[in-house]
Each structure stands twice: as structure tokens, then as C-alpha cells.
Amino acid sequence: MRIIVALALLASATLPTFGQGFESMKIATALGTVLASEKLCGLSYDQAAISAFIESNVPADDMDFPATLQMMIQGQGYNLKGMSESAKTAHCTQIARTAKSYKFIQ
């Protein structure tokens, strides 16, 4: 019985951390896609808006975020190279809409 209680306590202590890590990875993936698309889509982002996005969406103590973001930017950069014109049009249309919604562009 004590083992079950101990395991339950351990699980409850680690699950929030896992959830926070997953949320951080989700944000890094989404932001990495937008940032990696800047040049491909002919956009120029407002650097203060990027900082504001990070300030409001990433916990200050999230030391993994920068490395995860960089990995996502590099991975997306590789994926974007082989896009057809139609795929690029669709991709860049949504990237521009997303960037505008977060005030990365006007």
C-alpha cells in the first residue's frame, strides 16, 4: 500500500513538469516554424514583437526553450527547401497571417 501511495505522489509531482515541457516544445515548434519561414516568405519581423511573444508565452525559468527553438528553426529550414511553388504559396499565406496576428509584421 505504501508503494502505491509513493508512486501516486511521485506521479502527481512529475506530471505538471511533463505538461510544462510539452507546452514549451509546442510553443518552440510553432514559433520555430514562423521564424524559419521569414526569409522564404519575404517577410521582415519586428524583433520587439518576437520578444514580447516569448515574454508572454515562455516561462522565465524554461532553460530548454532556446535549444528546442533553435532545433525547430533548423529542422524547418531544412524542410522548407524542397517546397513546390504551390506548397510555398499555401505555407507563406498562413505564415503571414500568423505573423500578423502576433504583430510580427504590420
PDB file of N, CA and C in Angstrom:
ATOM      1  N   MET A   1       0.822  -1.189   0.000  1.00  0.00           N
ATOM      2  CA  MET A   1       0.000   0.000   0.000  1.00  0.00           C
ATOM      3  C   MET A   1       0.874   1.265   0.000  1.00  0.00           C
ATOM      4  N   ARG A   2       1.935   1.245   0.796  1.00  0.00           N
ATOM      5  CA  ARG A   2       2.815   2.414   0.851  1.00  0.00           C
ATOM      6  C   ARG A   2       3.475   2.678  -0.495  1.00  0.00           C
ATOM      7  N   ILE A   3       3.784   1.616  -1.215  1.00  0.00           N
ATOM      8  CA  ILE A   3       4.401   1.766  -2.528  1.00  0.00           C
ATOM      9  C   ILE A   3       3.435   2.448  -3.486  1.00  0.00           C
ATOM     10  N   ILE A   4       2.180   2.058  -3.431  1.00  0.00           N
ATOM     11  CA  ILE A   4       1.181   2.670  -4.308  1.00  0.00           C
ATOM     12  C   ILE A   4       1.037   4.159  -3.998  1.00  0.00           C
ATOM     13  N   VAL A   5       0.998   4.502  -2.728  1.00  0.00           N
ATOM     14  CA  VAL A   5       0.887   5.908  -2.314  1.00  0.00           C
ATOM     15  C   VAL A   5       2.126   6.682  -2.779  1.00  0.00           C
ATOM     16  N   ALA A   6       3.296   6.078  -2.596  1.00  0.00           N
ATOM     17  CA  ALA A   6       4.537   6.732  -3.013  1.00  0.00           C
ATOM     18  C   ALA A   6       4.553   6.955  -4.520  1.00  0.00           C
ATOM     19  N   LEU A   7       4.131   5.967  -5.287  1.00  0.00           N
ATOM     20  CA  LEU A   7       4.085   6.102  -6.743  1.00  0.00           C
ATOM     21  C   LEU A   7       3.076   7.166  -7.166  1.00  0.00           C
ATOM     22  N   ALA A   8       1.948   7.224  -6.496  1.00  0.00           N
ATOM     23  CA  ALA A   8       0.942   8.237  -6.810  1.00  0.00           C
ATOM     24  C   ALA A   8       1.482   9.635  -6.528  1.00  0.00           C
ATOM     25  N   LEU A   9       2.182   9.790  -5.413  1.00  0.00           N
ATOM     26  CA  LEU A   9       2.772  11.089  -5.083  1.00  0.00           C
ATOM     27  C   LEU A   9       3.848  11.475  -6.095  1.00  0.00           C
ATOM     28  N   LEU A  10       4.661  10.516  -6.478  1.00  0.00           N
ATOM     29  CA  LEU A  10       5.695  10.776  -7.469  1.00  0.00           C
ATOM     30  C   LEU A  10       5.080  11.176  -8.805  1.00  0.00           C
ATOM     31  N   ALA A  11       4.058  10.478  -9.224  1.00  0.00           N
ATOM     32  CA  ALA A  11       3.393  10.786 -10.489  1.00  0.00           C
ATOM     33  C   ALA A  11       2.770  12.175 -10.457  1.00  0.00           C
ATOM     34  N   SER A  12       2.135  12.509  -9.355  1.00  0.00           N
ATOM     35  CA  SER A  12       1.498  13.826  -9.279  1.00  0.00           C
ATOM     36  C   SER A  12       2.535  14.942  -9.258  1.00  0.00           C
ATOM     37  N   ALA A  13       3.718  14.660  -8.760  1.00  0.00           N
ATOM     38  CA  ALA A  13       4.780  15.673  -8.722  1.00  0.00           C
ATOM     39  C   ALA A  13       5.442  15.852 -10.080  1.00  0.00           C
ATOM     40  N   THR A  14       5.504  14.796 -10.883  1.00  0.00           N
ATOM     41  CA  THR A  14       6.203  14.887 -12.167  1.00  0.00           C
ATOM     42  C   THR A  14       5.288  15.212 -13.336  1.00  0.00           C
ATOM     43  N   LEU A  15       4.018  14.955 -13.246  1.00  0.00           N
ATOM     44  CA  LEU A  15       3.123  15.226 -14.359  1.00  0.00           C
ATOM     45  C   LEU A  15       3.055  16.701 -14.729  1.00  0.00           C
ATOM     46  N   PRO A  16       2.975  17.627 -13.786  1.00  0.00           N
ATOM     47  CA  PRO A  16       2.971  19.030 -14.189  1.00  0.00           C
ATOM     48  C   PRO A  16       4.240  19.418 -14.945  1.00  0.00           C
ATOM     49  N   THR A  17       5.378  18.880 -14.546  1.00  0.00           N
ATOM     50  CA  THR A  17       6.634  19.161 -15.230  1.00  0.00           C
ATOM     51  C   THR A  17       6.568  18.654 -16.665  1.00  0.00           C
ATOM     52  N   PHE A  18       6.051  17.445 -16.837  1.00  0.00           N
ATOM     53  CA  PHE A  18       5.918  16.898 -18.180  1.00  0.00           C
ATOM     54  C   PHE A  18       5.000  17.771 -19.020  1.00  0.00           C
ATOM     55  N   GLY A  19       3.899  18.201 -18.444  1.00  0.00           N
ATOM     56  CA  GLY A  19       2.960  19.056 -19.155  1.00  0.00           C
ATOM     57  C   GLY A  19       3.589  20.375 -19.540  1.00  0.00           C
ATOM     58  N   GLN A  20       4.376  20.952 -18.643  1.00  0.00           N
ATOM     59  CA  GLN A  20       5.056  22.206 -18.945  1.00  0.00           C
ATOM     60  C   GLN A  20       6.077  22.002 -20.056  1.00  0.00           C
ATOM     61  N   GLY A  21       6.796  20.888 -20.019  1.00  0.00           N
ATOM     62  CA  GLY A  21       7.773  20.586 -21.059  1.00  0.00           C
ATOM     63  C   GLY A  21       7.121  20.404 -22.409  1.00  0.00           C
ATOM     64  N   PHE A  22       5.965  19.764 -22.416  1.00  0.00           N
ATOM     65  CA  PHE A  22       5.235  19.562 -23.663  1.00  0.00           C
ATOM     66  C   PHE A  22       4.752  20.897 -24.216  1.00  0.00           C
ATOM     67  N   GLU A  23       4.237  21.755 -23.351  1.00  0.00           N
ATOM     68  CA  GLU A  23       3.765  23.079 -23.790  1.00  0.00           C
ATOM     69  C   GLU A  23       4.923  23.904 -24.346  1.00  0.00           C
ATOM     70  N   SER A  24       6.073  23.843 -23.692  1.00  0.00           N
ATOM     71  CA  SER A  24       7.256  24.560 -24.154  1.00  0.00           C
ATOM     72  C   SER A  24       7.678  24.069 -25.535  1.00  0.00           C
ATOM     73  N   MET A  25       7.653  22.759 -25.737  1.00  0.00           N
ATOM     74  CA  MET A  25       8.034  22.191 -27.029  1.00  0.00           C
ATOM     75  C   MET A  25       7.032  22.603 -28.108  1.00  0.00           C
ATOM     76  N   LYS A  26       5.764  22.635 -27.754  1.00  0.00           N
ATOM     77  CA  LYS A  26       4.721  23.047 -28.691  1.00  0.00           C
ATOM     78  C   LYS A  26       4.932  24.504 -29.128  1.00  0.00           C
ATOM     79  N   ILE A  27       5.238  25.374 -28.182  1.00  0.00           N
ATOM     80  CA  ILE A  27       5.485  26.782 -28.499  1.00  0.00           C
ATOM     81  C   ILE A  27       6.750  26.922 -29.340  1.00  0.00           C
ATOM     82  N   ALA A  28       7.807  26.195 -28.977  1.00  0.00           N
ATOM     83  CA  ALA A  28       9.063  26.249 -29.737  1.00  0.00           C
ATOM     84  C   ALA A  28       8.861  25.748 -31.165  1.00  0.00           C
ATOM     85  N   THR A  29       8.050  24.719 -31.338  1.00  0.00           N
ATOM     86  CA  THR A  29       7.780  24.193 -32.674  1.00  0.00           C
ATOM     87  C   THR A  29       7.033  25.215 -33.522  1.00  0.00           C
ATOM     88  N   ALA A  30       5.991  25.797 -32.950  1.00  0.00           N
ATOM     89  CA  ALA A  30       5.192  26.774 -33.697  1.00  0.00           C
ATOM     90  C   ALA A  30       6.008  28.027 -34.015  1.00  0.00           C
ATOM     91  N   LEU A  31       6.688  28.569 -33.013  1.00  0.00           N
ATOM     92  CA  LEU A  31       7.495  29.768 -33.234  1.00  0.00           C
ATOM     93  C   LEU A  31       8.642  29.469 -34.186  1.00  0.00           C
ATOM     94  N   GLY A  32       9.260  28.308 -34.056  1.00  0.00           N
ATOM     95  CA  GLY A  32      10.345  27.918 -34.950  1.00  0.00           C
ATOM     96  C   GLY A  32       9.893  27.862 -36.396  1.00  0.00           C
ATOM     97  N   THR A  33       8.692  27.385 -36.635  1.00  0.00           N
ATOM     98  CA  THR A  33       8.152  27.335 -37.995  1.00  0.00           C
ATOM     99  C   THR A  33       7.978  28.737 -38.556  1.00  0.00           C
ATOM    100  N   VAL A  34       7.429  29.633 -37.750  1.00  0.00           N
ATOM    101  CA  VAL A  34       7.221  31.016 -38.203  1.00  0.00           C
ATOM    102  C   VAL A  34       8.559  31.713 -38.454  1.00  0.00           C
ATOM    103  N   LEU A  35       9.497  31.558 -37.527  1.00  0.00           N
ATOM    104  CA  LEU A  35      10.796  32.223 -37.675  1.00  0.00           C
ATOM    105  C   LEU A  35      11.591  31.665 -38.853  1.00  0.00           C
ATOM    106  N   ALA A  36      11.553  30.357 -39.035  1.00  0.00           N
ATOM    107  CA  ALA A  36      12.285  29.740 -40.144  1.00  0.00           C
ATOM    108  C   ALA A  36      11.727  30.164 -41.499  1.00  0.00           C
ATOM    109  N   SER A  37      10.481  30.597 -41.526  1.00  0.00           N
ATOM    110  CA  SER A  37       9.818  30.968 -42.774  1.00  0.00           C
ATOM    111  C   SER A  37      10.003  32.429 -43.152  1.00  0.00           C
ATOM    112  N   GLU A  38      10.595  33.217 -42.279  1.00  0.00           N
ATOM    113  CA  GLU A  38      10.708  34.666 -42.503  1.00  0.00           C
ATOM    114  C   GLU A  38      11.325  34.989 -43.864  1.00  0.00           C
ATOM    115  N   LYS A  39      12.494  34.467 -44.132  1.00  0.00           N
ATOM    116  CA  LYS A  39      13.200  34.779 -45.389  1.00  0.00           C
ATOM    117  C   LYS A  39      12.487  34.154 -46.587  1.00  0.00           C
ATOM    118  N   LEU A  40      12.112  32.885 -46.475  1.00  0.00           N
ATOM    119  CA  LEU A  40      11.443  32.178 -47.565  1.00  0.00           C
ATOM    120  C   LEU A  40      10.200  32.934 -48.030  1.00  0.00           C
ATOM    121  N   CYS A  41       9.471  33.488 -47.078  1.00  0.00           N
ATOM    122  CA  CYS A  41       8.204  34.161 -47.386  1.00  0.00           C
ATOM    123  C   CYS A  41       8.376  35.656 -47.646  1.00  0.00           C
ATOM    124  N   GLY A  42       9.623  36.132 -47.653  1.00  0.00           N
ATOM    125  CA  GLY A  42       9.876  37.532 -47.949  1.00  0.00           C
ATOM    126  C   GLY A  42       9.350  38.478 -46.885  1.00  0.00           C
ATOM    127  N   LEU A  43       9.400  38.044 -45.636  1.00  0.00           N
ATOM    128  CA  LEU A  43       8.898  38.854 -44.529  1.00  0.00           C
ATOM    129  C   LEU A  43      10.062  39.416 -43.722  1.00  0.00           C
ATOM    130  N   SER A  44       9.768  40.426 -42.936  1.00  0.00           N
ATOM    131  CA  SER A  44      10.748  41.005 -42.024  1.00  0.00           C
ATOM    132  C   SER A  44      10.025  41.251 -40.700  1.00  0.00           C
ATOM    133  N   TYR A  45      10.412  40.505 -39.677  1.00  0.00           N
ATOM    134  CA  TYR A  45       9.689  40.545 -38.408  1.00  0.00           C
ATOM    135  C   TYR A  45      10.173  41.651 -37.485  1.00  0.00           C
ATOM    136  N   ASP A  46       9.236  42.164 -36.721  1.00  0.00           N
ATOM    137  CA  ASP A  46       9.502  43.143 -35.673  1.00  0.00           C
ATOM    138  C   ASP A  46      10.133  42.395 -34.497  1.00  0.00           C
ATOM    139  N   GLN A  47      11.376  42.709 -34.204  1.00  0.00           N
ATOM    140  CA  GLN A  47      12.120  41.998 -33.163  1.00  0.00           C
ATOM    141  C   GLN A  47      11.492  42.187 -31.775  1.00  0.00           C
ATOM    142  N   ALA A  48      10.955  43.371 -31.517  1.00  0.00           N
ATOM    143  CA  ALA A  48      10.296  43.622 -30.226  1.00  0.00           C
ATOM    144  C   ALA A  48       9.051  42.759 -30.075  1.00  0.00           C
ATOM    145  N   ALA A  49       8.347  42.501 -31.172  1.00  0.00           N
ATOM    146  CA  ALA A  49       7.147  41.659 -31.116  1.00  0.00           C
ATOM    147  C   ALA A  49       7.521  40.205 -30.820  1.00  0.00           C
ATOM    148  N   ILE A  50       8.647  39.750 -31.364  1.00  0.00           N
ATOM    149  CA  ILE A  50       9.110  38.392 -31.062  1.00  0.00           C
ATOM    150  C   ILE A  50       9.451  38.287 -29.579  1.00  0.00           C
ATOM    151  N   SER A  51      10.156  39.271 -29.062  1.00  0.00           N
ATOM    152  CA  SER A  51      10.496  39.283 -27.630  1.00  0.00           C
ATOM    153  C   SER A  51       9.243  39.304 -26.774  1.00  0.00           C
ATOM    154  N   ALA A  52       8.274  40.120 -27.158  1.00  0.00           N
ATOM    155  CA  ALA A  52       7.020  40.200 -26.394  1.00  0.00           C
ATOM    156  C   ALA A  52       6.287  38.862 -26.407  1.00  0.00           C
ATOM    157  N   PHE A  53       6.289  38.168 -27.554  1.00  0.00           N
ATOM    158  CA  PHE A  53       5.657  36.857 -27.646  1.00  0.00           C
ATOM    159  C   PHE A  53       6.304  35.883 -26.662  1.00  0.00           C
ATOM    160  N   ILE A  54       7.629  35.861 -26.654  1.00  0.00           N
ATOM    161  CA  ILE A  54       8.353  34.955 -25.760  1.00  0.00           C
ATOM    162  C   ILE A  54       8.092  35.326 -24.302  1.00  0.00           C
ATOM    163  N   GLU A  55       8.146  36.609 -23.991  1.00  0.00           N
ATOM    164  CA  GLU A  55       7.888  37.066 -22.618  1.00  0.00           C
ATOM    165  C   GLU A  55       6.526  36.608 -22.116  1.00  0.00           C
ATOM    166  N   SER A  56       5.529  36.632 -22.980  1.00  0.00           N
ATOM    167  CA  SER A  56       4.183  36.291 -22.532  1.00  0.00           C
ATOM    168  C   SER A  56       3.827  34.809 -22.661  1.00  0.00           C
ATOM    169  N   ASN A  57       4.645  34.018 -23.373  1.00  0.00           N
ATOM    170  CA  ASN A  57       4.290  32.615 -23.600  1.00  0.00           C
ATOM    171  C   ASN A  57       5.281  31.588 -23.069  1.00  0.00           C
ATOM    172  N   VAL A  58       6.474  32.028 -22.690  1.00  0.00           N
ATOM    173  CA  VAL A  58       7.505  31.086 -22.232  1.00  0.00           C
ATOM    174  C   VAL A  58       7.908  31.451 -20.803  1.00  0.00           C
ATOM    175  N   PRO A  59       7.818  30.498 -19.878  1.00  0.00           N
ATOM    176  CA  PRO A  59       8.230  30.789 -18.504  1.00  0.00           C
ATOM    177  C   PRO A  59       9.703  31.220 -18.439  1.00  0.00           C
ATOM    178  N   ALA A  60       9.998  32.169 -17.575  1.00  0.00           N
ATOM    179  CA  ALA A  60      11.362  32.702 -17.451  1.00  0.00           C
ATOM    180  C   ALA A  60      12.370  31.619 -17.065  1.00  0.00           C
ATOM    181  N   ASP A  61      11.938  30.585 -16.348  1.00  0.00           N
ATOM    182  CA  ASP A  61      12.858  29.538 -15.896  1.00  0.00           C
ATOM    183  C   ASP A  61      12.960  28.358 -16.867  1.00  0.00           C
ATOM    184  N   ASP A  62      12.445  28.506 -18.069  1.00  0.00           N
ATOM    185  CA  ASP A  62      12.480  27.427 -19.061  1.00  0.00           C
ATOM    186  C   ASP A  62      13.812  27.453 -19.799  1.00  0.00           C
ATOM    187  N   MET A  63      14.790  26.749 -19.252  1.00  0.00           N
ATOM    188  CA  MET A  63      16.134  26.730 -19.840  1.00  0.00           C
ATOM    189  C   MET A  63      16.209  25.896 -21.118  1.00  0.00           C
ATOM    190  N   ASP A  64      15.240  25.021 -21.356  1.00  0.00           N
ATOM    191  CA  ASP A  64      15.251  24.177 -22.547  1.00  0.00           C
ATOM    192  C   ASP A  64      14.730  24.899 -23.787  1.00  0.00           C
ATOM    193  N   PHE A  65      13.955  25.947 -23.588  1.00  0.00           N
ATOM    194  CA  PHE A  65      13.298  26.603 -24.719  1.00  0.00           C
ATOM    195  C   PHE A  65      14.268  27.075 -25.809  1.00  0.00           C
ATOM    196  N   PRO A  66      15.352  27.786 -25.483  1.00  0.00           N
ATOM    197  CA  PRO A  66      16.241  28.264 -26.563  1.00  0.00           C
ATOM    198  C   PRO A  66      16.798  27.139 -27.443  1.00  0.00           C
ATOM    199  N   ALA A  67      17.239  26.055 -26.829  1.00  0.00           N
ATOM    200  CA  ALA A  67      17.802  24.948 -27.611  1.00  0.00           C
ATOM    201  C   ALA A  67      16.721  24.273 -28.454  1.00  0.00           C
ATOM    202  N   THR A  68      15.542  24.093 -27.871  1.00  0.00           N
ATOM    203  CA  THR A  68      14.448  23.476 -28.619  1.00  0.00           C
ATOM    204  C   THR A  68      14.031  24.367 -29.773  1.00  0.00           C
ATOM    205  N   LEU A  69      13.933  25.666 -29.528  1.00  0.00           N
ATOM    206  CA  LEU A  69      13.578  26.610 -30.586  1.00  0.00           C
ATOM    207  C   LEU A  69      14.601  26.555 -31.719  1.00  0.00           C
ATOM    208  N   GLN A  70      15.874  26.578 -31.383  1.00  0.00           N
ATOM    209  CA  GLN A  70      16.926  26.533 -32.409  1.00  0.00           C
ATOM    210  C   GLN A  70      16.848  25.245 -33.228  1.00  0.00           C
ATOM    211  N   MET A  71      16.601  24.127 -32.557  1.00  0.00           N
ATOM    212  CA  MET A  71      16.478  22.851 -33.250  1.00  0.00           C
ATOM    213  C   MET A  71      15.280  22.878 -34.216  1.00  0.00           C
ATOM    214  N   MET A  72      14.187  23.475 -33.779  1.00  0.00           N
ATOM    215  CA  MET A  72      12.994  23.552 -34.625  1.00  0.00           C
ATOM    216  C   MET A  72      13.229  24.477 -35.821  1.00  0.00           C
ATOM    217  N   ILE A  73      13.917  25.582 -35.608  1.00  0.00           N
ATOM    218  CA  ILE A  73      14.219  26.502 -36.708  1.00  0.00           C
ATOM    219  C   ILE A  73      15.089  25.796 -37.750  1.00  0.00           C
ATOM    220  N   GLN A  74      16.111  25.096 -37.306  1.00  0.00           N
ATOM    221  CA  GLN A  74      16.992  24.387 -38.237  1.00  0.00           C
ATOM    222  C   GLN A  74      16.242  23.285 -38.979  1.00  0.00           C
ATOM    223  N   GLY A  75      15.415  22.532 -38.255  1.00  0.00           N
ATOM    224  CA  GLY A  75      14.642  21.462 -38.889  1.00  0.00           C
ATOM    225  C   GLY A  75      13.661  21.996 -39.915  1.00  0.00           C
ATOM    226  N   GLN A  76      12.973  23.064 -39.568  1.00  0.00           N
ATOM    227  CA  GLN A  76      12.029  23.666 -40.514  1.00  0.00           C
ATOM    228  C   GLN A  76      12.764  24.246 -41.717  1.00  0.00           C
ATOM    229  N   GLY A  77      13.926  24.856 -41.478  1.00  0.00           N
ATOM    230  CA  GLY A  77      14.716  25.389 -42.585  1.00  0.00           C
ATOM    231  C   GLY A  77      15.034  24.304 -43.604  1.00  0.00           C
ATOM    232  N   TYR A  78      15.378  23.138 -43.107  1.00  0.00           N
ATOM    233  CA  TYR A  78      15.664  22.001 -43.988  1.00  0.00           C
ATOM    234  C   TYR A  78      14.399  21.573 -44.735  1.00  0.00           C
ATOM    235  N   ASN A  79      13.280  21.485 -44.023  1.00  0.00           N
ATOM    236  CA  ASN A  79      12.021  21.043 -44.630  1.00  0.00           C
ATOM    237  C   ASN A  79      11.506  22.012 -45.687  1.00  0.00           C
ATOM    238  N   LEU A  80      11.778  23.284 -45.505  1.00  0.00           N
ATOM    239  CA  LEU A  80      11.244  24.295 -46.415  1.00  0.00           C
ATOM    240  C   LEU A  80      11.971  24.334 -47.758  1.00  0.00           C
ATOM    241  N   LYS A  81      13.183  23.823 -47.814  1.00  0.00           N
ATOM    242  CA  LYS A  81      13.997  23.900 -49.032  1.00  0.00           C
ATOM    243  C   LYS A  81      13.351  23.225 -50.239  1.00  0.00           C
ATOM    244  N   GLY A  82      12.689  22.109 -50.047  1.00  0.00           N
ATOM    245  CA  GLY A  82      12.160  21.340 -51.170  1.00  0.00           C
ATOM    246  C   GLY A  82      10.710  21.626 -51.509  1.00  0.00           C
ATOM    247  N   MET A  83      10.172  22.737 -51.067  1.00  0.00           N
ATOM    248  CA  MET A  83       8.757  23.045 -51.290  1.00  0.00           C
ATOM    249  C   MET A  83       8.469  23.408 -52.743  1.00  0.00           C
ATOM    250  N   SER A  84       7.352  22.900 -53.227  1.00  0.00           N
ATOM    251  CA  SER A  84       6.885  23.331 -54.547  1.00  0.00           C
ATOM    252  C   SER A  84       6.349  24.759 -54.427  1.00  0.00           C
ATOM    253  N   GLU A  85       6.135  25.417 -55.554  1.00  0.00           N
ATOM    254  CA  GLU A  85       5.600  26.789 -55.532  1.00  0.00           C
ATOM    255  C   GLU A  85       4.215  26.833 -54.885  1.00  0.00           C
ATOM    256  N   SER A  86       3.386  25.840 -55.176  1.00  0.00           N
ATOM    257  CA  SER A  86       2.042  25.819 -54.589  1.00  0.00           C
ATOM    258  C   SER A  86       2.103  25.611 -53.080  1.00  0.00           C
ATOM    259  N   ALA A  87       2.974  24.716 -52.649  1.00  0.00           N
ATOM    260  CA  ALA A  87       3.136  24.486 -51.214  1.00  0.00           C
ATOM    261  C   ALA A  87       3.679  25.738 -50.539  1.00  0.00           C
ATOM    262  N   LYS A  88       4.619  26.396 -51.208  1.00  0.00           N
ATOM    263  CA  LYS A  88       5.190  27.635 -50.667  1.00  0.00           C
ATOM    264  C   LYS A  88       4.108  28.711 -50.552  1.00  0.00           C
ATOM    265  N   THR A  89       3.272  28.835 -51.558  1.00  0.00           N
ATOM    266  CA  THR A  89       2.191  29.821 -51.522  1.00  0.00           C
ATOM    267  C   THR A  89       1.261  29.554 -50.350  1.00  0.00           C
ATOM    268  N   ALA A  90       0.848  28.319 -50.186  1.00  0.00           N
ATOM    269  CA  ALA A  90      -0.043  27.967 -49.079  1.00  0.00           C
ATOM    270  C   ALA A  90       0.644  28.204 -47.736  1.00  0.00           C
ATOM    271  N   HIS A  91       1.868  27.753 -47.638  1.00  0.00           N
ATOM    272  CA  HIS A  91       2.630  27.893 -46.393  1.00  0.00           C
ATOM    273  C   HIS A  91       2.812  29.370 -46.038  1.00  0.00           C
ATOM    274  N   CYS A  92       3.285  30.146 -46.980  1.00  0.00           N
ATOM    275  CA  CYS A  92       3.584  31.556 -46.707  1.00  0.00           C
ATOM    276  C   CYS A  92       2.325  32.378 -46.454  1.00  0.00           C
ATOM    277  N   THR A  93       1.224  31.992 -47.070  1.00  0.00           N
ATOM    278  CA  THR A  93      -0.039  32.687 -46.793  1.00  0.00           C
ATOM    279  C   THR A  93      -0.398  32.541 -45.327  1.00  0.00           C
ATOM    280  N   GLN A  94      -0.314  31.328 -44.812  1.00  0.00           N
ATOM    281  CA  GLN A  94      -0.659  31.128 -43.399  1.00  0.00           C
ATOM    282  C   GLN A  94       0.405  31.703 -42.467  1.00  0.00           C
ATOM    283  N   ILE A  95       1.663  31.608 -42.843  1.00  0.00           N
ATOM    284  CA  ILE A  95       2.733  32.198 -42.018  1.00  0.00           C
ATOM    285  C   ILE A  95       2.510  33.699 -41.884  1.00  0.00           C
ATOM    286  N   ALA A  96       2.197  34.373 -42.987  1.00  0.00           N
ATOM    287  CA  ALA A  96       1.959  35.820 -42.944  1.00  0.00           C
ATOM    288  C   ALA A  96       0.758  36.145 -42.064  1.00  0.00           C
ATOM    289  N   ARG A  97      -0.288  35.348 -42.159  1.00  0.00           N
ATOM    290  CA  ARG A  97      -1.476  35.574 -41.319  1.00  0.00           C
ATOM    291  C   ARG A  97      -1.143  35.393 -39.843  1.00  0.00           C
ATOM    292  N   THR A  98      -0.378  34.355 -39.540  1.00  0.00           N
ATOM    293  CA  THR A  98       0.026  34.102 -38.158  1.00  0.00           C
ATOM    294  C   THR A  98       0.933  35.221 -37.661  1.00  0.00           C
ATOM    295  N   ALA A  99       1.913  35.591 -38.464  1.00  0.00           N
ATOM    296  CA  ALA A  99       2.849  36.658 -38.074  1.00  0.00           C
ATOM    297  C   ALA A  99       2.104  37.963 -37.824  1.00  0.00           C
ATOM    298  N   LYS A 100       1.130  38.256 -38.647  1.00  0.00           N
ATOM    299  CA  LYS A 100       0.345  39.480 -38.463  1.00  0.00           C
ATOM    300  C   LYS A 100      -0.485  39.412 -37.178  1.00  0.00           C
ATOM    301  N   SER A 101      -1.036  38.246 -36.879  1.00  0.00           N
ATOM    302  CA  SER A 101      -1.874  38.121 -35.679  1.00  0.00           C
ATOM    303  C   SER A 101      -1.076  38.345 -34.398  1.00  0.00           C
ATOM    304  N   TYR A 102       0.216  38.041 -34.435  1.00  0.00           N
ATOM    305  CA  TYR A 102       1.090  38.263 -33.266  1.00  0.00           C
ATOM    306  C   TYR A 102       1.897  39.553 -33.381  1.00  0.00           C
ATOM    307  N   LYS A 103       1.551  40.365 -34.400  1.00  0.00           N
ATOM    308  CA  LYS A 103       2.192  41.662 -34.619  1.00  0.00           C
ATOM    309  C   LYS A 103       3.685  41.559 -34.956  1.00  0.00           C
ATOM    310  N   PHE A 104       4.083  40.408 -35.533  1.00  0.00           N
ATOM    311  CA  PHE A 104       5.453  40.273 -36.019  1.00  0.00           C
ATOM    312  C   PHE A 104       5.637  41.119 -37.268  1.00  0.00           C
ATOM    313  N   ILE A 105       4.535  41.286 -38.035  1.00  0.00           N
ATOM    314  CA  ILE A 105       4.518  42.154 -39.204  1.00  0.00           C
ATOM    315  C   ILE A 105       3.278  43.035 -39.084  1.00  0.00           C
ATOM    316  N   GLN A 106       3.234  44.093 -39.886  1.00  0.00           N
ATOM    317  CA  GLN A 106       2.081  45.013 -39.855  1.00  0.00           C
ATOM    318  C   GLN A 106       1.000  44.575 -40.774  1.00  0.00           C
TER     319      GLN A 106
END
